[in-house]
Protein backbone atom coordinates (compact mmCIF):
# COMPACT_ATOMS: atom_id res chain seq x y z
CA MET A 1 157.10 96.41 122.76
CA THR A 2 154.35 97.17 124.07
CA ALA A 3 153.10 94.42 127.86
CA THR A 4 149.12 95.17 128.76
CA LEU A 5 149.20 92.84 132.51
CA ASP A 6 145.43 91.35 132.21
CA PHE A 7 144.05 90.83 135.97
CA GLU A 8 141.01 88.45 136.31
CA PRO A 9 138.93 89.73 139.48
CA GLY A 10 138.61 86.16 141.18
CA PRO A 11 142.54 85.79 140.68
CA VAL A 12 143.19 88.99 141.77
CA ALA A 13 140.41 88.52 144.34
CA VAL A 14 142.08 84.70 145.95
CA GLY A 15 145.38 86.29 145.56
CA THR A 16 144.39 89.43 148.04
CA LEU A 17 143.01 87.01 150.50
CA VAL A 18 146.08 84.99 151.08
CA GLY A 19 148.49 88.41 150.50
CA LEU A 20 146.09 89.81 154.00
CA SER A 21 146.70 86.88 155.38
CA GLY A 22 149.96 86.21 155.40
CA LEU A 23 150.56 89.99 156.39
CA LEU A 24 148.13 89.52 159.72
CA PHE A 25 149.90 86.51 160.53
CA LEU A 26 153.62 88.06 159.58
CA LEU A 27 151.81 91.49 161.70
CA THR A 28 151.37 89.10 165.36
CA PRO A 29 154.54 90.15 166.76
CA VAL A 30 154.03 94.14 166.59
CA VAL A 31 150.44 94.25 167.10
CA GLU A 32 148.60 93.92 169.53
CA PRO A 33 144.76 91.66 168.90
CA VAL A 34 141.98 93.72 166.94
CA ALA A 35 139.28 94.68 168.18
CA VAL A 36 135.93 92.41 166.28
CA GLY A 37 132.84 93.86 167.84
CA SER A 38 133.62 93.51 171.52
CA LEU A 39 136.56 90.91 171.48
CA ARG A 40 139.72 91.95 170.79
CA VAL A 41 141.16 88.61 168.25
CA SER A 42 145.45 88.38 167.77
CA THR A 43 145.93 88.69 164.38
CA VAL A 44 146.54 84.78 164.14
CA ALA A 45 142.96 83.85 164.34
CA LEU A 46 142.42 86.60 161.75
CA SER A 47 144.99 85.40 159.76
CA ALA A 48 143.69 82.36 159.61
CA VAL A 49 140.49 82.95 158.72
CA VAL A 50 141.38 85.60 156.25
CA LEU A 51 142.79 82.61 154.96
CA THR A 52 139.48 79.92 154.67
CA LEU A 53 137.91 82.51 153.18
CA GLY A 54 141.38 82.39 150.77
CA PHE A 55 140.95 78.79 150.16
CA ALA A 56 136.96 79.38 149.69
CA LEU A 57 136.92 81.47 146.74
CA GLY A 58 139.25 79.44 145.18
CA THR A 59 137.05 77.37 145.34
CA VAL A 60 134.61 78.60 143.74
CA VAL A 61 136.93 80.36 141.26
CA PHE A 62 139.31 77.31 139.54
CA ALA A 63 135.66 75.47 139.62
CA ARG A 64 133.93 78.19 137.50
CA ARG A 65 137.30 77.26 135.29
CA GLY A 66 136.83 74.26 134.86
CA ARG A 67 139.96 73.06 137.30
CA ARG A 68 138.90 69.78 139.19
CA LEU A 69 141.73 69.33 141.07
CA PHE A 70 142.46 72.68 141.43
CA ALA A 71 138.78 73.01 142.67
CA ILE A 72 138.56 70.47 145.33
CA ALA A 73 142.14 71.37 146.58
CA HIS A 74 141.06 74.87 148.43
CA GLY A 75 137.11 73.02 148.79
CA VAL A 76 139.39 70.71 150.98
CA PHE A 77 140.99 73.23 152.42
CA ALA A 78 138.34 75.88 153.37
CA VAL A 79 136.75 72.76 155.88
CA ALA A 80 139.85 72.04 157.35
CA TRP A 81 140.90 75.66 158.22
CA ALA A 82 138.00 75.97 159.78
CA LEU A 83 137.40 73.42 161.59
CA LEU A 84 141.29 73.77 163.16
CA VAL A 85 139.83 77.30 163.43
CA LEU A 86 136.47 76.60 164.71
CA GLY A 87 137.91 74.32 167.93
CA PRO A 88 139.99 76.65 169.52
CA LEU A 89 137.75 79.19 168.88
CA LEU A 90 134.94 77.43 170.36
CA GLY A 91 137.33 75.00 173.00
CA GLU A 92 135.54 71.92 170.70
CA GLU A 93 139.03 69.88 170.37
CA ALA A 94 136.18 67.16 168.22
CA LEU A 95 136.35 70.24 165.44
CA LEU A 96 140.72 69.84 165.30
CA LEU A 97 140.73 67.07 165.72
CA ALA A 98 138.06 66.77 162.63
CA GLY A 99 140.52 69.56 160.52
CA VAL A 100 142.93 67.89 161.10
CA VAL A 101 141.50 63.94 160.06
CA VAL A 102 140.19 66.05 156.08
CA LEU A 103 143.70 67.97 156.00
CA VAL A 104 145.35 64.67 156.32
CA ALA A 105 142.96 62.77 154.26
CA GLY A 106 142.36 66.45 151.67
CA ALA A 107 146.05 65.66 151.17
CA GLY A 108 146.23 62.75 150.63
CA PHE A 109 143.35 61.99 147.98
CA LEU A 110 144.60 65.52 146.40
CA VAL A 111 147.87 63.61 146.16
CA SER A 112 147.00 59.87 144.60
CA GLN A 113 144.35 62.05 142.06
CA SER A 114 147.62 64.10 140.51
CA ARG A 115 149.20 60.58 139.89
CA GLN A 116 147.24 59.96 137.82
């Protein structure tokens, strides 16, 4: 019996971004901040940005597959993570608070939808 792996580009790209995000997060204690242009950026911050991109791409991938609830979940969390990243980056507490609100409201919405 021969088994073949059939990788689809969309899910592989999402998985790669999520994996890279996790790796960046885990490297934080042992890696100095990374130069991004003229800025020195913590790998934790880069991890959050990469995770946001993974959620955003996951939205498109699941929407194209007709998986509405999964697409909505990824979209909600992409917006929430983007706000949670931008708030501290720009020094805007309102964006950080908005990210928390989107995260909590989105989770509540998803729980209510999963019960139907």
